[in-house]
Protein backbone atom coordinates (compact mmCIF):
# COMPACT_ATOMS: atom_id res chain seq x y z
CA MET A 1 -16.86 8.70 1.73
CA GLY A 2 -15.87 5.17 2.56
CA SER A 3 -12.79 4.55 4.60
CA ILE A 4 -9.31 4.67 3.35
CA VAL A 5 -6.33 3.20 4.74
CA THR A 6 -2.97 3.68 3.73
CA LEU A 7 -0.58 0.49 4.41
CA VAL A 8 2.94 1.25 4.71
CA GLY A 9 5.33 -1.75 4.39
CA ASN A 10 8.75 -0.25 5.07
CA PRO A 11 10.83 -1.34 7.95
CA ARG A 12 12.29 2.34 8.45
CA GLY A 13 9.88 4.81 10.36
CA GLY A 14 9.14 8.08 8.47
CA SER A 15 10.30 6.52 5.05
CA ARG A 16 10.31 7.97 1.79
CA THR A 17 8.02 5.08 1.10
CA LEU A 18 5.40 6.50 3.73
CA ALA A 19 5.68 9.97 2.08
CA VAL A 20 5.21 8.60 -1.13
CA ALA A 21 2.03 6.30 0.12
CA VAL A 22 0.47 9.46 1.68
CA ALA A 23 1.22 11.60 -1.67
CA ALA A 24 -0.27 8.74 -3.87
CA ALA A 25 -3.52 8.31 -1.61
CA GLU A 26 -4.08 12.11 -1.43
CA ALA A 27 -3.88 12.23 -5.21
CA ALA A 28 -6.00 9.39 -5.98
CA LEU A 29 -8.46 9.45 -3.41
CA GLY A 30 -8.32 13.18 -1.99
CA SER A 31 -7.27 11.68 1.58
CA ALA A 32 -4.50 8.99 3.18
CA GLY A 33 -7.27 8.29 5.56
CA ASP A 34 -6.06 6.17 8.51
CA VAL A 35 -1.86 5.48 7.98
CA VAL A 36 -0.86 2.25 8.94
CA ASP A 37 3.23 2.33 8.96
CA LEU A 38 4.35 -0.76 10.14
CA ALA A 39 7.93 0.31 11.27
CA GLY A 40 6.58 0.62 14.63
CA LEU A 41 4.60 -2.51 14.99
CA ALA A 42 7.38 -4.74 13.29
CA PRO A 43 8.88 -5.79 16.87
CA HIS A 44 5.23 -7.04 17.58
CA LEU A 45 4.31 -8.77 14.84
CA PHE A 46 5.59 -12.35 15.72
CA ALA A 47 4.78 -11.72 19.70
CA PRO A 48 3.51 -14.67 21.53
CA GLN A 49 0.74 -12.98 22.75
CA PRO A 50 -1.61 -10.73 20.90
CA VAL A 51 -0.53 -6.98 20.66
CA ALA A 52 -3.03 -4.52 20.97
CA ALA A 53 -1.61 -2.39 18.25
CA VAL A 54 -1.37 -4.59 15.46
CA GLU A 55 -4.70 -5.81 16.36
CA VAL A 56 -5.74 -2.23 15.68
CA ALA A 57 -4.18 -1.99 12.60
CA LEU A 58 -5.27 -5.46 11.26
CA ASP A 59 -8.84 -4.44 12.07
CA LEU A 60 -8.15 -1.05 10.29
CA VAL A 61 -7.09 -2.78 7.14
CA LYS A 62 -9.90 -5.14 7.31
CA ASP A 63 -12.41 -2.65 7.79
CA ALA A 64 -11.48 -0.19 4.83
CA ASP A 65 -13.10 0.31 1.90
CA VAL A 66 -10.14 1.51 -0.12
CA LEU A 67 -6.34 0.39 0.56
CA VAL A 68 -3.15 2.00 -0.66
CA VAL A 69 -0.68 -0.50 0.36
CA ALA A 70 2.99 0.30 -0.44
CA SER A 71 6.15 -1.08 0.01
CA PRO A 72 9.86 -0.37 -0.89
CA THR A 73 10.99 -3.01 -3.18
CA TYR A 74 13.50 -5.48 -1.52
CA LYS A 75 15.01 -8.41 -3.62
CA GLY A 76 12.53 -7.52 -6.65
CA THR A 77 9.44 -7.51 -4.51
CA TYR A 78 7.71 -6.13 -1.34
CA THR A 79 9.31 -6.35 2.18
CA GLY A 80 8.93 -9.52 4.35
CA LEU A 81 7.27 -7.21 6.97
CA LEU A 82 4.55 -6.35 4.91
CA LYS A 83 4.21 -9.88 4.05
CA ALA A 84 4.37 -11.02 7.66
CA PHE A 85 1.44 -8.21 8.54
CA LEU A 86 -0.47 -9.38 5.72
CA ASP A 87 -0.09 -13.29 6.38
CA ARG A 88 -2.10 -12.49 10.04
CA LEU A 89 -5.43 -11.62 7.87
CA PRO A 90 -7.72 -14.26 7.64
CA PRO A 91 -8.46 -16.17 3.87
CA ARG A 92 -10.17 -13.30 1.68
CA ALA A 93 -9.98 -10.87 4.52
CA LEU A 94 -9.91 -8.08 1.58
CA ALA A 95 -12.87 -9.61 -0.07
CA GLY A 96 -14.86 -6.75 -1.77
CA LYS A 97 -12.25 -4.20 -0.97
CA HIS A 98 -10.18 -2.08 -3.39
CA ALA A 99 -6.39 -2.29 -3.30
CA LEU A 100 -4.02 -0.02 -4.68
CA PRO A 101 -0.49 -1.30 -5.08
CA LEU A 102 2.40 1.02 -4.99
CA LEU A 103 6.09 -0.18 -4.91
CA VAL A 104 9.24 2.37 -4.38
CA MET A 105 12.19 1.10 -6.31
CA GLY A 106 15.57 2.10 -7.17
CA GLY A 107 15.69 1.10 -10.85
CA ALA A 108 13.36 0.70 -13.53
CA GLN A 109 14.27 -2.86 -13.93
CA HIS A 110 11.94 -3.61 -10.85
CA ALA A 111 8.64 -1.87 -12.68
CA LEU A 112 7.22 -5.23 -13.52
CA ALA A 113 7.25 -6.36 -9.85
CA VAL A 114 4.15 -4.35 -8.81
CA GLU A 115 2.06 -6.27 -11.11
CA VAL A 116 3.84 -9.64 -11.38
CA HIS A 117 4.44 -10.14 -7.22
CA PHE A 118 2.50 -7.53 -5.38
CA ARG A 119 -1.07 -7.52 -7.40
CA PRO A 120 -1.02 -11.34 -7.00
CA LEU A 121 -0.60 -11.05 -3.09
CA LEU A 122 -3.69 -8.40 -2.94
CA VAL A 123 -5.73 -10.80 -5.11
CA GLU A 124 -5.34 -13.79 -2.91
CA LEU A 125 -6.57 -12.25 0.01
CA GLY A 126 -9.79 -11.23 -2.25
CA ALA A 127 -9.25 -7.48 -2.86
CA ILE A 128 -10.19 -5.72 -6.35
CA VAL A 129 -6.81 -4.39 -7.92
CA PRO A 130 -8.81 -1.98 -10.29
CA THR A 131 -5.70 -0.23 -12.19
CA PRO A 132 -2.21 -1.11 -12.88
CA GLY A 133 -0.16 -1.04 -9.74
CA LEU A 134 2.21 2.21 -9.47
CA ALA A 135 5.99 2.06 -9.62
CA VAL A 136 7.69 4.87 -8.24
CA LEU A 137 11.64 5.38 -8.90
CA GLU A 138 13.49 6.85 -6.20
CA SER A 139 14.69 9.23 -8.45
CA GLN A 140 11.69 10.69 -8.93
CA ILE A 141 10.74 11.26 -5.47
CA ALA A 142 13.89 13.91 -4.97
CA GLU A 143 11.74 16.44 -6.97
CA LEU A 144 8.14 17.03 -6.08
CA ARG A 145 7.41 17.91 -9.61
CA ASP A 146 8.60 14.54 -10.96
CA LEU A 147 6.27 12.65 -8.10
CA ASP A 148 3.47 14.68 -9.56
CA ALA A 149 4.09 13.78 -13.13
CA VAL A 150 3.78 10.12 -11.86
CA LEU A 151 1.02 10.70 -9.29
CA LYS A 152 -1.33 12.51 -11.85
CA PRO A 153 -1.67 10.01 -14.29
CA TRP A 154 -1.92 7.25 -12.12
CA ALA A 155 -4.61 9.23 -10.11
CA GLY A 156 -6.46 9.35 -13.41
CA GLN A 157 -6.44 5.99 -14.35
CA LEU A 158 -8.61 5.57 -11.48
CA ALA A 159 -11.54 7.62 -12.48
CA GLY A 160 -14.70 5.51 -12.49
CA GLN A 161 -12.89 2.51 -10.82
CA LEU A 162 -13.34 2.51 -7.51
CA PRO A 163 -16.54 2.85 -5.39
CA ALA A 164 -18.55 5.68 -5.99
CA ARG A 165 -18.62 6.66 -2.05
CA VAL A 166 -14.63 7.29 -2.09
């Protein structure tokens, strides 16, 4: 199996976004792989000197075969924390990697943000984004059955779209 990294751009540690991202990775890929929760790295992203934990996280992302990249929806798109982290990657750092974007949102009016704003960011970094991104409403998180009703069809769309080794 190729390497999997679940990258979460919520500024709150232990967030619902983290829980949904892990559940989505497990549903689609059978594992969340290495989990990078940016909440713990936030104070170090703009440090004047390199910080080992940030460099390790960047290396994990660069070396992954498949990334599940998750964020809560802030102002109709992904968080600045996630953008600040991804901006640390060199151009085309995700070339040849598969990335699965996931946004957690309060209302369905933001559902297109995953395709209109989030997908282009990952494509700009060179990622292959093989399936429609996943938009999860906060109301669907409360009941695991509701979340499963969202995750299972999404995971089914991935069949045949990811590298065989995953």
